[in-house]
Amino acid sequence: SQYPFNHECHPINQQTLFEKYCEITFGIEKSDYDCIGYSKFDMKTAEKKKRTPNEKSILVMNIAKRNARERKRVEQVNNAFAELRKCIPIENRRKRVSKVRTLRVAIDYIKSLSQLLENDD
């Protein structure tokens, strides 16, 4: 198996799960971790206290899960902005509009639509 666990889910050597994961998945050294979304702070947190290899693995897995949740959240926000951009009048659709600009245009557009509705009454 390519995963560093035996059948009892304990590390089979002193190498942390994270180190093994980075080696297998990305073929990178420990010094390059921050290039794949793990900051040096995360690694210092994982290595700060004296921990058993299993505790380190659990902590690193928690960090990985947290980072995955954050990536998913950011993706959802970006998708929502993409949908919002489709609903508002934008002059040049070929040029990417920033999130702040998208919100400002959406606010102005909603105000304009509200005024139109008020004027129709």
PDB file of N, CA and C in Angstrom:
ATOM      1  N   SER A   1       0.840  -1.193   0.000  1.00  0.00           N
ATOM      2  CA  SER A   1       0.000   0.000   0.000  1.00  0.00           C
ATOM      3  C   SER A   1       0.877   1.245   0.000  1.00  0.00           C
ATOM      4  N   GLN A   2       0.422   2.303  -0.649  1.00  0.00           N
ATOM      5  CA  GLN A   2       1.198   3.530  -0.697  1.00  0.00           C
ATOM      6  C   GLN A   2       1.010   4.394   0.547  1.00  0.00           C
ATOM      7  N   TYR A   3       0.048   4.058   1.417  1.00  0.00           N
ATOM      8  CA  TYR A   3      -0.204   4.853   2.597  1.00  0.00           C
ATOM      9  C   TYR A   3       0.626   4.334   3.765  1.00  0.00           C
ATOM     10  N   PRO A   4       1.144   5.250   4.605  1.00  0.00           N
ATOM     11  CA  PRO A   4       2.078   4.864   5.662  1.00  0.00           C
ATOM     12  C   PRO A   4       1.417   4.315   6.914  1.00  0.00           C
ATOM     13  N   PHE A   5       0.418   3.457   6.762  1.00  0.00           N
ATOM     14  CA  PHE A   5      -0.252   2.870   7.908  1.00  0.00           C
ATOM     15  C   PHE A   5      -0.197   1.353   7.815  1.00  0.00           C
ATOM     16  N   ASN A   6      -0.152   0.720   8.977  1.00  0.00           N
ATOM     17  CA  ASN A   6      -0.371  -0.722   8.980  1.00  0.00           C
ATOM     18  C   ASN A   6      -1.859  -0.956   9.213  1.00  0.00           C
ATOM     19  N   HIS A   7      -2.259  -2.187   9.386  1.00  0.00           N
ATOM     20  CA  HIS A   7      -3.684  -2.495   9.502  1.00  0.00           C
ATOM     21  C   HIS A   7      -4.353  -1.855  10.714  1.00  0.00           C
ATOM     22  N   GLU A   8      -3.585  -1.406  11.718  1.00  0.00           N
ATOM     23  CA  GLU A   8      -4.165  -0.787  12.910  1.00  0.00           C
ATOM     24  C   GLU A   8      -4.184   0.740  12.818  1.00  0.00           C
ATOM     25  N   CYS A   9      -3.863   1.278  11.649  1.00  0.00           N
ATOM     26  CA  CYS A   9      -3.837   2.730  11.442  1.00  0.00           C
ATOM     27  C   CYS A   9      -2.814   3.432  12.322  1.00  0.00           C
ATOM     28  N   HIS A  10      -1.677   2.824  12.501  1.00  0.00           N
ATOM     29  CA  HIS A  10      -0.565   3.470  13.182  1.00  0.00           C
ATOM     30  C   HIS A  10       0.555   3.646  12.175  1.00  0.00           C
ATOM     31  N   PRO A  11       1.295   4.751  12.274  1.00  0.00           N
ATOM     32  CA  PRO A  11       2.413   4.912  11.345  1.00  0.00           C
ATOM     33  C   PRO A  11       3.373   3.732  11.459  1.00  0.00           C
ATOM     34  N   ILE A  12       3.871   3.280  10.313  1.00  0.00           N
ATOM     35  CA  ILE A  12       4.747   2.113  10.345  1.00  0.00           C
ATOM     36  C   ILE A  12       6.211   2.499  10.468  1.00  0.00           C
ATOM     37  N   ASN A  13       6.503   3.795  10.438  1.00  0.00           N
ATOM     38  CA  ASN A  13       7.867   4.248  10.699  1.00  0.00           C
ATOM     39  C   ASN A  13       7.808   5.635  11.318  1.00  0.00           C
ATOM     40  N   GLN A  14       8.964   6.258  11.541  1.00  0.00           N
ATOM     41  CA  GLN A  14       9.001   7.548  12.223  1.00  0.00           C
ATOM     42  C   GLN A  14       8.585   8.712  11.324  1.00  0.00           C
ATOM     43  N   GLN A  15       8.517   8.485  10.044  1.00  0.00           N
ATOM     44  CA  GLN A  15       8.141   9.553   9.126  1.00  0.00           C
ATOM     45  C   GLN A  15       6.670   9.907   9.338  1.00  0.00           C
ATOM     46  N   THR A  16       6.362  11.187   9.426  1.00  0.00           N
ATOM     47  CA  THR A  16       4.970  11.579   9.659  1.00  0.00           C
ATOM     48  C   THR A  16       4.131  11.301   8.427  1.00  0.00           C
ATOM     49  N   LEU A  17       2.858  11.187   8.654  1.00  0.00           N
ATOM     50  CA  LEU A  17       1.915  10.980   7.559  1.00  0.00           C
ATOM     51  C   LEU A  17       2.037  12.097   6.536  1.00  0.00           C
ATOM     52  N   PHE A  18       2.175  13.314   7.028  1.00  0.00           N
ATOM     53  CA  PHE A  18       2.252  14.455   6.126  1.00  0.00           C
ATOM     54  C   PHE A  18       3.474  14.366   5.225  1.00  0.00           C
ATOM     55  N   GLU A  19       4.622  14.033   5.809  1.00  0.00           N
ATOM     56  CA  GLU A  19       5.838  13.889   5.007  1.00  0.00           C
ATOM     57  C   GLU A  19       5.647  12.823   3.941  1.00  0.00           C
ATOM     58  N   LYS A  20       5.083  11.704   4.328  1.00  0.00           N
ATOM     59  CA  LYS A  20       4.857  10.608   3.385  1.00  0.00           C
ATOM     60  C   LYS A  20       3.865  11.030   2.301  1.00  0.00           C
ATOM     61  N   TYR A  21       2.805  11.705   2.718  1.00  0.00           N
ATOM     62  CA  TYR A  21       1.803  12.184   1.766  1.00  0.00           C
ATOM     63  C   TYR A  21       2.443  13.112   0.732  1.00  0.00           C
ATOM     64  N   CYS A  22       3.258  14.045   1.198  1.00  0.00           N
ATOM     65  CA  CYS A  22       3.909  14.983   0.278  1.00  0.00           C
ATOM     66  C   CYS A  22       4.859  14.268  -0.669  1.00  0.00           C
ATOM     67  N   GLU A  23       5.587  13.299  -0.140  1.00  0.00           N
ATOM     68  CA  GLU A  23       6.503  12.533  -0.994  1.00  0.00           C
ATOM     69  C   GLU A  23       5.743  11.783  -2.070  1.00  0.00           C
ATOM     70  N   ILE A  24       4.685  11.067  -1.658  1.00  0.00           N
ATOM     71  CA  ILE A  24       3.934  10.230  -2.595  1.00  0.00           C
ATOM     72  C   ILE A  24       3.177  11.088  -3.604  1.00  0.00           C
ATOM     73  N   THR A  25       2.464  12.076  -3.097  1.00  0.00           N
ATOM     74  CA  THR A  25       1.570  12.848  -3.949  1.00  0.00           C
ATOM     75  C   THR A  25       2.292  13.873  -4.806  1.00  0.00           C
ATOM     76  N   PHE A  26       3.237  14.579  -4.206  1.00  0.00           N
ATOM     77  CA  PHE A  26       3.851  15.687  -4.920  1.00  0.00           C
ATOM     78  C   PHE A  26       5.338  15.479  -5.214  1.00  0.00           C
ATOM     79  N   GLY A  27       5.945  14.466  -4.607  1.00  0.00           N
ATOM     80  CA  GLY A  27       7.366  14.232  -4.801  1.00  0.00           C
ATOM     81  C   GLY A  27       8.215  15.386  -4.306  1.00  0.00           C
ATOM     82  N   ILE A  28       7.832  15.969  -3.156  1.00  0.00           N
ATOM     83  CA  ILE A  28       8.562  17.136  -2.666  1.00  0.00           C
ATOM     84  C   ILE A  28       9.165  16.874  -1.298  1.00  0.00           C
ATOM     85  N   GLU A  29      10.149  17.684  -0.982  1.00  0.00           N
ATOM     86  CA  GLU A  29      10.852  17.595   0.291  1.00  0.00           C
ATOM     87  C   GLU A  29      10.112  18.410   1.353  1.00  0.00           C
ATOM     88  N   LYS A  30      10.483  18.176   2.608  1.00  0.00           N
ATOM     89  CA  LYS A  30       9.845  18.869   3.729  1.00  0.00           C
ATOM     90  C   LYS A  30       9.953  20.390   3.590  1.00  0.00           C
ATOM     91  N   SER A  31      11.066  20.904   3.068  1.00  0.00           N
ATOM     92  CA  SER A  31      11.258  22.349   2.949  1.00  0.00           C
ATOM     93  C   SER A  31      10.295  22.991   1.956  1.00  0.00           C
ATOM     94  N   ASP A  32       9.674  22.190   1.104  1.00  0.00           N
ATOM     95  CA  ASP A  32       8.775  22.723   0.082  1.00  0.00           C
ATOM     96  C   ASP A  32       7.310  22.662   0.470  1.00  0.00           C
ATOM     97  N   TYR A  33       6.980  22.259   1.700  1.00  0.00           N
ATOM     98  CA  TYR A  33       5.581  22.065   2.079  1.00  0.00           C
ATOM     99  C   TYR A  33       4.724  23.293   1.838  1.00  0.00           C
ATOM    100  N   ASP A  34       5.267  24.474   2.152  1.00  0.00           N
ATOM    101  CA  ASP A  34       4.425  25.660   2.046  1.00  0.00           C
ATOM    102  C   ASP A  34       4.012  25.943   0.606  1.00  0.00           C
ATOM    103  N   CYS A  35       4.590  25.262  -0.364  1.00  0.00           N
ATOM    104  CA  CYS A  35       4.202  25.448  -1.765  1.00  0.00           C
ATOM    105  C   CYS A  35       2.882  24.764  -2.093  1.00  0.00           C
ATOM    106  N   ILE A  36       2.369  23.902  -1.216  1.00  0.00           N
ATOM    107  CA  ILE A  36       1.131  23.186  -1.533  1.00  0.00           C
ATOM    108  C   ILE A  36       0.024  23.510  -0.539  1.00  0.00           C
ATOM    109  N   GLY A  37       0.115  24.655   0.107  1.00  0.00           N
ATOM    110  CA  GLY A  37      -0.980  25.083   0.959  1.00  0.00           C
ATOM    111  C   GLY A  37      -0.783  24.800   2.438  1.00  0.00           C
ATOM    112  N   TYR A  38       0.363  24.289   2.823  1.00  0.00           N
ATOM    113  CA  TYR A  38       0.658  24.069   4.228  1.00  0.00           C
ATOM    114  C   TYR A  38       1.711  25.084   4.627  1.00  0.00           C
ATOM    115  N   SER A  39       1.357  25.985   5.509  1.00  0.00           N
ATOM    116  CA  SER A  39       2.305  27.016   5.890  1.00  0.00           C
ATOM    117  C   SER A  39       3.330  26.450   6.864  1.00  0.00           C
ATOM    118  N   LYS A  40       4.433  27.173   6.999  1.00  0.00           N
ATOM    119  CA  LYS A  40       5.441  26.767   7.983  1.00  0.00           C
ATOM    120  C   LYS A  40       4.851  26.826   9.387  1.00  0.00           C
ATOM    121  N   PHE A  41       3.877  27.737   9.601  1.00  0.00           N
ATOM    122  CA  PHE A  41       3.195  27.803  10.886  1.00  0.00           C
ATOM    123  C   PHE A  41       2.477  26.495  11.175  1.00  0.00           C
ATOM    124  N   ASP A  42       1.783  25.948  10.179  1.00  0.00           N
ATOM    125  CA  ASP A  42       1.092  24.672  10.362  1.00  0.00           C
ATOM    126  C   ASP A  42       2.073  23.582  10.756  1.00  0.00           C
ATOM    127  N   MET A  43       3.209  23.549  10.090  1.00  0.00           N
ATOM    128  CA  MET A  43       4.188  22.508  10.392  1.00  0.00           C
ATOM    129  C   MET A  43       4.790  22.716  11.777  1.00  0.00           C
ATOM    130  N   LYS A  44       5.052  23.980  12.148  1.00  0.00           N
ATOM    131  CA  LYS A  44       5.580  24.242  13.487  1.00  0.00           C
ATOM    132  C   LYS A  44       4.564  23.825  14.537  1.00  0.00           C
ATOM    133  N   THR A  45       3.289  24.093  14.275  1.00  0.00           N
ATOM    134  CA  THR A  45       2.229  23.683  15.196  1.00  0.00           C
ATOM    135  C   THR A  45       2.233  22.168  15.345  1.00  0.00           C
ATOM    136  N   ALA A  46       2.379  21.473  14.237  1.00  0.00           N
ATOM    137  CA  ALA A  46       2.357  20.013  14.263  1.00  0.00           C
ATOM    138  C   ALA A  46       3.565  19.447  14.991  1.00  0.00           C
ATOM    139  N   GLU A  47       4.683  20.163  14.936  1.00  0.00           N
ATOM    140  CA  GLU A  47       5.913  19.620  15.495  1.00  0.00           C
ATOM    141  C   GLU A  47       6.303  20.251  16.825  1.00  0.00           C
ATOM    142  N   LYS A  48       5.553  21.246  17.315  1.00  0.00           N
ATOM    143  CA  LYS A  48       5.944  22.022  18.481  1.00  0.00           C
ATOM    144  C   LYS A  48       6.107  21.173  19.742  1.00  0.00           C
ATOM    145  N   LYS A  49       5.054  20.468  20.133  1.00  0.00           N
ATOM    146  CA  LYS A  49       5.093  19.658  21.347  1.00  0.00           C
ATOM    147  C   LYS A  49       5.721  18.310  21.053  1.00  0.00           C
ATOM    148  N   LYS A  50       6.176  17.677  22.114  1.00  0.00           N
ATOM    149  CA  LYS A  50       6.618  16.285  21.979  1.00  0.00           C
ATOM    150  C   LYS A  50       5.369  15.446  21.793  1.00  0.00           C
ATOM    151  N   ARG A  51       5.245  14.828  20.655  1.00  0.00           N
ATOM    152  CA  ARG A  51       4.065  14.029  20.354  1.00  0.00           C
ATOM    153  C   ARG A  51       4.511  12.669  19.843  1.00  0.00           C
ATOM    154  N   THR A  52       3.638  11.723  20.038  1.00  0.00           N
ATOM    155  CA  THR A  52       3.907  10.411  19.457  1.00  0.00           C
ATOM    156  C   THR A  52       3.706  10.533  17.951  1.00  0.00           C
ATOM    157  N   PRO A  53       4.290   9.634  17.182  1.00  0.00           N
ATOM    158  CA  PRO A  53       4.071   9.696  15.722  1.00  0.00           C
ATOM    159  C   PRO A  53       2.589   9.665  15.355  1.00  0.00           C
ATOM    160  N   ASN A  54       1.789   8.902  16.095  1.00  0.00           N
ATOM    161  CA  ASN A  54       0.357   8.835  15.798  1.00  0.00           C
ATOM    162  C   ASN A  54      -0.324  10.172  16.080  1.00  0.00           C
ATOM    163  N   GLU A  55       0.040  10.835  17.186  1.00  0.00           N
ATOM    164  CA  GLU A  55      -0.535  12.148  17.499  1.00  0.00           C
ATOM    165  C   GLU A  55      -0.167  13.169  16.433  1.00  0.00           C
ATOM    166  N   LYS A  56       1.087  13.126  15.977  1.00  0.00           N
ATOM    167  CA  LYS A  56       1.510  14.037  14.910  1.00  0.00           C
ATOM    168  C   LYS A  56       0.708  13.778  13.644  1.00  0.00           C
ATOM    169  N   SER A  57       0.509  12.515  13.328  1.00  0.00           N
ATOM    170  CA  SER A  57      -0.249  12.167  12.124  1.00  0.00           C
ATOM    171  C   SER A  57      -1.678  12.682  12.211  1.00  0.00           C
ATOM    172  N   ILE A  58      -2.289  12.534  13.381  1.00  0.00           N
ATOM    173  CA  ILE A  58      -3.664  13.010  13.568  1.00  0.00           C
ATOM    174  C   ILE A  58      -3.714  14.527  13.431  1.00  0.00           C
ATOM    175  N   LEU A  59      -2.752  15.222  14.048  1.00  0.00           N
ATOM    176  CA  LEU A  59      -2.715  16.679  13.965  1.00  0.00           C
ATOM    177  C   LEU A  59      -2.520  17.129  12.522  1.00  0.00           C
ATOM    178  N   VAL A  60      -1.615  16.487  11.819  1.00  0.00           N
ATOM    179  CA  VAL A  60      -1.366  16.847  10.423  1.00  0.00           C
ATOM    180  C   VAL A  60      -2.597  16.555   9.569  1.00  0.00           C
ATOM    181  N   MET A  61      -3.279  15.443   9.840  1.00  0.00           N
ATOM    182  CA  MET A  61      -4.510  15.147   9.096  1.00  0.00           C
ATOM    183  C   MET A  61      -5.573  16.206   9.377  1.00  0.00           C
ATOM    184  N   ASN A  62      -5.650  16.681  10.634  1.00  0.00           N
ATOM    185  CA  ASN A  62      -6.607  17.734  10.969  1.00  0.00           C
ATOM    186  C   ASN A  62      -6.280  19.020  10.218  1.00  0.00           C
ATOM    187  N   ILE A  63      -4.992  19.342  10.126  1.00  0.00           N
ATOM    188  CA  ILE A  63      -4.564  20.518   9.369  1.00  0.00           C
ATOM    189  C   ILE A  63      -4.950  20.350   7.905  1.00  0.00           C
ATOM    190  N   ALA A  64      -4.717  19.165   7.366  1.00  0.00           N
ATOM    191  CA  ALA A  64      -5.056  18.900   5.964  1.00  0.00           C
ATOM    192  C   ALA A  64      -6.560  19.030   5.741  1.00  0.00           C
ATOM    193  N   LYS A  65      -7.354  18.518   6.678  1.00  0.00           N
ATOM    194  CA  LYS A  65      -8.815  18.622   6.558  1.00  0.00           C
ATOM    195  C   LYS A  65      -9.259  20.078   6.624  1.00  0.00           C
ATOM    196  N   ARG A  66      -8.668  20.836   7.547  1.00  0.00           N
ATOM    197  CA  ARG A  66      -9.006  22.257   7.677  1.00  0.00           C
ATOM    198  C   ARG A  66      -8.685  22.994   6.382  1.00  0.00           C
ATOM    199  N   ASN A  67      -7.516  22.725   5.818  1.00  0.00           N
ATOM    200  CA  ASN A  67      -7.132  23.379   4.569  1.00  0.00           C
ATOM    201  C   ASN A  67      -8.056  22.973   3.425  1.00  0.00           C
ATOM    202  N   ALA A  68      -8.472  21.711   3.404  1.00  0.00           N
ATOM    203  CA  ALA A  68      -9.391  21.244   2.362  1.00  0.00           C
ATOM    204  C   ALA A  68     -10.745  21.942   2.499  1.00  0.00           C
ATOM    205  N   ARG A  69     -11.222  22.102   3.745  1.00  0.00           N
ATOM    206  CA  ARG A  69     -12.487  22.813   3.964  1.00  0.00           C
ATOM    207  C   ARG A  69     -12.383  24.259   3.484  1.00  0.00           C
ATOM    208  N   GLU A  70     -11.253  24.885   3.769  1.00  0.00           N
ATOM    209  CA  GLU A  70     -11.061  26.276   3.345  1.00  0.00           C
ATOM    210  C   GLU A  70     -11.003  26.385   1.824  1.00  0.00           C
ATOM    211  N   ARG A  71     -10.317  25.450   1.167  1.00  0.00           N
ATOM    212  CA  ARG A  71     -10.281  25.460  -0.304  1.00  0.00           C
ATOM    213  C   ARG A  71     -11.686  25.290  -0.876  1.00  0.00           C
ATOM    214  N   LYS A  72     -12.479  24.414  -0.268  1.00  0.00           N
ATOM    215  CA  LYS A  72     -13.853  24.197  -0.731  1.00  0.00           C
ATOM    216  C   LYS A  72     -14.690  25.453  -0.522  1.00  0.00           C
ATOM    217  N   ARG A  73     -14.526  26.108   0.629  1.00  0.00           N
ATOM    218  CA  ARG A  73     -15.265  27.338   0.915  1.00  0.00           C
ATOM    219  C   ARG A  73     -14.916  28.418  -0.106  1.00  0.00           C
ATOM    220  N   VAL A  74     -13.635  28.590  -0.378  1.00  0.00           N
ATOM    221  CA  VAL A  74     -13.195  29.596  -1.347  1.00  0.00           C
ATOM    222  C   VAL A  74     -13.757  29.277  -2.729  1.00  0.00           C
ATOM    223  N   GLU A  75     -13.759  28.001  -3.092  1.00  0.00           N
ATOM    224  CA  GLU A  75     -14.318  27.599  -4.381  1.00  0.00           C
ATOM    225  C   GLU A  75     -15.809  27.942  -4.459  1.00  0.00           C
ATOM    226  N   GLN A  76     -16.542  27.704  -3.372  1.00  0.00           N
ATOM    227  CA  GLN A  76     -17.972  28.017  -3.353  1.00  0.00           C
ATOM    228  C   GLN A  76     -18.211  29.524  -3.476  1.00  0.00           C
ATOM    229  N   VAL A  77     -17.401  30.314  -2.786  1.00  0.00           N
ATOM    230  CA  VAL A  77     -17.526  31.772  -2.888  1.00  0.00           C
ATOM    231  C   VAL A  77     -17.247  32.219  -4.321  1.00  0.00           C
ATOM    232  N   ASN A  78     -16.188  31.682  -4.912  1.00  0.00           N
ATOM    233  CA  ASN A  78     -15.855  32.046  -6.292  1.00  0.00           C
ATOM    234  C   ASN A  78     -16.963  31.648  -7.263  1.00  0.00           C
ATOM    235  N   ASN A  79     -17.552  30.476  -7.062  1.00  0.00           N
ATOM    236  CA  ASN A  79     -18.670  30.043  -7.914  1.00  0.00           C
ATOM    237  C   ASN A  79     -19.880  30.966  -7.757  1.00  0.00           C
ATOM    238  N   ALA A  80     -20.141  31.390  -6.524  1.00  0.00           N
ATOM    239  CA  ALA A  80     -21.263  32.299  -6.280  1.00  0.00           C
ATOM    240  C   ALA A  80     -21.022  33.644  -6.969  1.00  0.00           C
ATOM    241  N   PHE A  81     -19.790  34.137  -6.925  1.00  0.00           N
ATOM    242  CA  PHE A  81     -19.476  35.386  -7.622  1.00  0.00           C
ATOM    243  C   PHE A  81     -19.627  35.218  -9.132  1.00  0.00           C
ATOM    244  N   ALA A  82     -19.237  34.086  -9.656  1.00  0.00           N
ATOM    245  CA  ALA A  82     -19.389  33.830 -11.094  1.00  0.00           C
ATOM    246  C   ALA A  82     -20.867  33.862 -11.482  1.00  0.00           C
ATOM    247  N   GLU A  83     -21.721  33.263 -10.650  1.00  0.00           N
ATOM    248  CA  GLU A  83     -23.164  33.289 -10.910  1.00  0.00           C
ATOM    249  C   GLU A  83     -23.711  34.712 -10.823  1.00  0.00           C
ATOM    250  N   LEU A  84     -23.248  35.464  -9.835  1.00  0.00           N
ATOM    251  CA  LEU A  84     -23.699  36.850  -9.674  1.00  0.00           C
ATOM    252  C   LEU A  84     -23.297  37.689 -10.886  1.00  0.00           C
ATOM    253  N   ARG A  85     -22.081  37.473 -11.388  1.00  0.00           N
ATOM    254  CA  ARG A  85     -21.620  38.221 -12.568  1.00  0.00           C
ATOM    255  C   ARG A  85     -22.530  37.990 -13.773  1.00  0.00           C
ATOM    256  N   LYS A  86     -23.113  36.799 -13.869  1.00  0.00           N
ATOM    257  CA  LYS A  86     -24.019  36.494 -14.983  1.00  0.00           C
ATOM    258  C   LYS A  86     -25.325  37.280 -14.885  1.00  0.00           C
ATOM    259  N   CYS A  87     -25.680  37.721 -13.673  1.00  0.00           N
ATOM    260  CA  CYS A  87     -26.977  38.362 -13.435  1.00  0.00           C
ATOM    261  C   CYS A  87     -26.925  39.883 -13.486  1.00  0.00           C
ATOM    262  N   ILE A  88     -25.752  40.452 -13.596  1.00  0.00           N
ATOM    263  CA  ILE A  88     -25.644  41.910 -13.555  1.00  0.00           C
ATOM    264  C   ILE A  88     -25.119  42.438 -14.884  1.00  0.00           C
ATOM    265  N   PRO A  89     -25.472  43.693 -15.192  1.00  0.00           N
ATOM    266  CA  PRO A  89     -24.977  44.278 -16.440  1.00  0.00           C
ATOM    267  C   PRO A  89     -23.504  44.670 -16.312  1.00  0.00           C
ATOM    268  N   ILE A  90     -22.690  44.044 -17.121  1.00  0.00           N
ATOM    269  CA  ILE A  90     -21.254  44.338 -17.135  1.00  0.00           C
ATOM    270  C   ILE A  90     -20.899  44.718 -18.563  1.00  0.00           C
ATOM    271  N   GLU A  91     -20.179  45.828 -18.707  1.00  0.00           N
ATOM    272  CA  GLU A  91     -19.870  46.345 -20.038  1.00  0.00           C
ATOM    273  C   GLU A  91     -19.014  45.384 -20.857  1.00  0.00           C
ATOM    274  N   ASN A  92     -17.916  44.949 -20.302  1.00  0.00           N
ATOM    275  CA  ASN A  92     -16.980  44.111 -21.055  1.00  0.00           C
ATOM    276  C   ASN A  92     -16.873  42.747 -20.381  1.00  0.00           C
ATOM    277  N   ARG A  93     -17.602  41.780 -20.866  1.00  0.00           N
ATOM    278  CA  ARG A  93     -17.625  40.453 -20.239  1.00  0.00           C
ATOM    279  C   ARG A  93     -16.347  39.665 -20.488  1.00  0.00           C
ATOM    280  N   ARG A  94     -15.555  40.089 -21.449  1.00  0.00           N
ATOM    281  CA  ARG A  94     -14.297  39.371 -21.707  1.00  0.00           C
ATOM    282  C   ARG A  94     -13.252  39.671 -20.642  1.00  0.00           C
ATOM    283  N   LYS A  95     -13.378  40.823 -20.012  1.00  0.00           N
ATOM    284  CA  LYS A  95     -12.433  41.201 -18.962  1.00  0.00           C
ATOM    285  C   LYS A  95     -12.992  40.754 -17.612  1.00  0.00           C
ATOM    286  N   ARG A  96     -12.162  40.086 -16.828  1.00  0.00           N
ATOM    287  CA  ARG A  96     -12.611  39.597 -15.524  1.00  0.00           C
ATOM    288  C   ARG A  96     -12.861  40.773 -14.588  1.00  0.00           C
ATOM    289  N   VAL A  97     -13.989  40.725 -13.894  1.00  0.00           N
ATOM    290  CA  VAL A  97     -14.378  41.784 -12.965  1.00  0.00           C
ATOM    291  C   VAL A  97     -14.058  41.318 -11.550  1.00  0.00           C
ATOM    292  N   SER A  98     -13.461  42.199 -10.760  1.00  0.00           N
ATOM    293  CA  SER A  98     -13.088  41.831  -9.392  1.00  0.00           C
ATOM    294  C   SER A  98     -14.332  41.575  -8.546  1.00  0.00           C
ATOM    295  N   LYS A  99     -14.120  40.933  -7.417  1.00  0.00           N
ATOM    296  CA  LYS A  99     -15.234  40.647  -6.505  1.00  0.00           C
ATOM    297  C   LYS A  99     -15.838  41.939  -5.967  1.00  0.00           C
ATOM    298  N   VAL A 100     -14.982  42.885  -5.619  1.00  0.00           N
ATOM    299  CA  VAL A 100     -15.469  44.161  -5.088  1.00  0.00           C
ATOM    300  C   VAL A 100     -16.289  44.887  -6.149  1.00  0.00           C
ATOM    301  N   ARG A 101     -15.777  44.924  -7.364  1.00  0.00           N
ATOM    302  CA  ARG A 101     -16.502  45.583  -8.464  1.00  0.00           C
ATOM    303  C   ARG A 101     -17.832  44.866  -8.719  1.00  0.00           C
ATOM    304  N   THR A 102     -17.812  43.545  -8.674  1.00  0.00           N
ATOM    305  CA  THR A 102     -19.042  42.770  -8.864  1.00  0.00           C
ATOM    306  C   THR A 102     -20.088  43.159  -7.828  1.00  0.00           C
ATOM    307  N   LEU A 103     -19.685  43.247  -6.568  1.00  0.00           N
ATOM    308  CA  LEU A 103     -20.624  43.623  -5.506  1.00  0.00           C
ATOM    309  C   LEU A 103     -21.156  45.033  -5.708  1.00  0.00           C
ATOM    310  N   ARG A 104     -20.281  45.963  -6.073  1.00  0.00           N
ATOM    311  CA  ARG A 104     -20.715  47.356  -6.273  1.00  0.00           C
ATOM    312  C   ARG A 104     -21.704  47.467  -7.435  1.00  0.00           C
ATOM    313  N   VAL A 105     -21.400  46.771  -8.536  1.00  0.00           N
ATOM    314  CA  VAL A 105     -22.312  46.792  -9.684  1.00  0.00           C
ATOM    315  C   VAL A 105     -23.644  46.148  -9.299  1.00  0.00           C
ATOM    316  N   ALA A 106     -23.596  45.052  -8.546  1.00  0.00           N
ATOM    317  CA  ALA A 106     -24.829  44.377  -8.118  1.00  0.00           C
ATOM    318  C   ALA A 106     -25.673  45.294  -7.238  1.00  0.00           C
ATOM    319  N   ILE A 107     -25.039  46.005  -6.327  1.00  0.00           N
ATOM    320  CA  ILE A 107     -25.760  46.941  -5.448  1.00  0.00           C
ATOM    321  C   ILE A 107     -26.425  48.033  -6.278  1.00  0.00           C
ATOM    322  N   ASP A 108     -25.656  48.624  -7.195  1.00  0.00           N
ATOM    323  CA  ASP A 108     -26.216  49.677  -8.054  1.00  0.00           C
ATOM    324  C   ASP A 108     -27.363  49.143  -8.905  1.00  0.00           C
ATOM    325  N   TYR A 109     -27.211  47.944  -9.410  1.00  0.00           N
ATOM    326  CA  TYR A 109     -28.235  47.338 -10.261  1.00  0.00           C
ATOM    327  C   TYR A 109     -29.519  47.082  -9.470  1.00  0.00           C
ATOM    328  N   ILE A 110     -29.375  46.578  -8.262  1.00  0.00           N
ATOM    329  CA  ILE A 110     -30.542  46.338  -7.397  1.00  0.00           C
ATOM    330  C   ILE A 110     -31.242  47.660  -7.072  1.00  0.00           C
ATOM    331  N   LYS A 111     -30.448  48.711  -6.783  1.00  0.00           N
ATOM    332  CA  LYS A 111     -31.043  50.028  -6.509  1.00  0.00           C
ATOM    333  C   LYS A 111     -31.807  50.540  -7.730  1.00  0.00           C
ATOM    334  N   SER A 112     -31.221  50.369  -8.910  1.00  0.00           N
ATOM    335  CA  SER A 112     -31.883  50.818 -10.146  1.00  0.00           C
ATOM    336  C   SER A 112     -33.184  50.067 -10.374  1.00  0.00           C
ATOM    337  N   LEU A 113     -33.153  48.760 -10.165  1.00  0.00           N
ATOM    338  CA  LEU A 113     -34.369  47.958 -10.332  1.00  0.00           C
ATOM    339  C   LEU A 113     -35.435  48.363  -9.318  1.00  0.00           C
ATOM    340  N   SER A 114     -35.017  48.648  -8.094  1.00  0.00           N
ATOM    341  CA  SER A 114     -35.963  49.084  -7.053  1.00  0.00           C
ATOM    342  C   SER A 114     -36.613  50.407  -7.437  1.00  0.00           C
ATOM    343  N   GLN A 115     -35.814  51.339  -7.979  1.00  0.00           N
ATOM    344  CA  GLN A 115     -36.357  52.633  -8.405  1.00  0.00           C
ATOM    345  C   GLN A 115     -37.358  52.455  -9.546  1.00  0.00           C
ATOM    346  N   LEU A 116     -37.040  51.547 -10.467  1.00  0.00           N
ATOM    347  CA  LEU A 116     -37.968  51.277 -11.567  1.00  0.00           C
ATOM    348  C   LEU A 116     -39.303  50.762 -11.041  1.00  0.00           C
ATOM    349  N   LEU A 117     -39.238  49.872 -10.071  1.00  0.00           N
ATOM    350  CA  LEU A 117     -40.469  49.334  -9.484  1.00  0.00           C
ATOM    351  C   LEU A 117     -41.262  50.423  -8.764  1.00  0.00           C
ATOM    352  N   GLU A 118     -40.574  51.307  -8.053  1.00  0.00           N
ATOM    353  CA  GLU A 118     -41.246  52.398  -7.334  1.00  0.00           C
ATOM    354  C   GLU A 118     -41.895  53.368  -8.313  1.00  0.00           C
ATOM    355  N   ASN A 119     -41.216  53.634  -9.425  1.00  0.00           N
ATOM    356  CA  ASN A 119     -41.742  54.575 -10.422  1.00  0.00           C
ATOM    357  C   ASN A 119     -42.947  54.009 -11.152  1.00  0.00           C
ATOM    358  N   ASP A 120     -43.043  52.700 -11.247  1.00  0.00           N
ATOM    359  CA  ASP A 120     -44.183  52.070 -11.915  1.00  0.00           C
ATOM    360  C   ASP A 120     -45.457  52.160 -11.082  1.00  0.00           C
ATOM    361  N   ASP A 121     -45.309  52.374  -9.786  1.00  0.00           N
ATOM    362  CA  ASP A 121     -46.491  52.423  -8.903  1.00  0.00           C
ATOM    363  C   ASP A 121     -47.245  53.677  -9.057  1.00  0.00           C
TER     364      ASP A 121
END
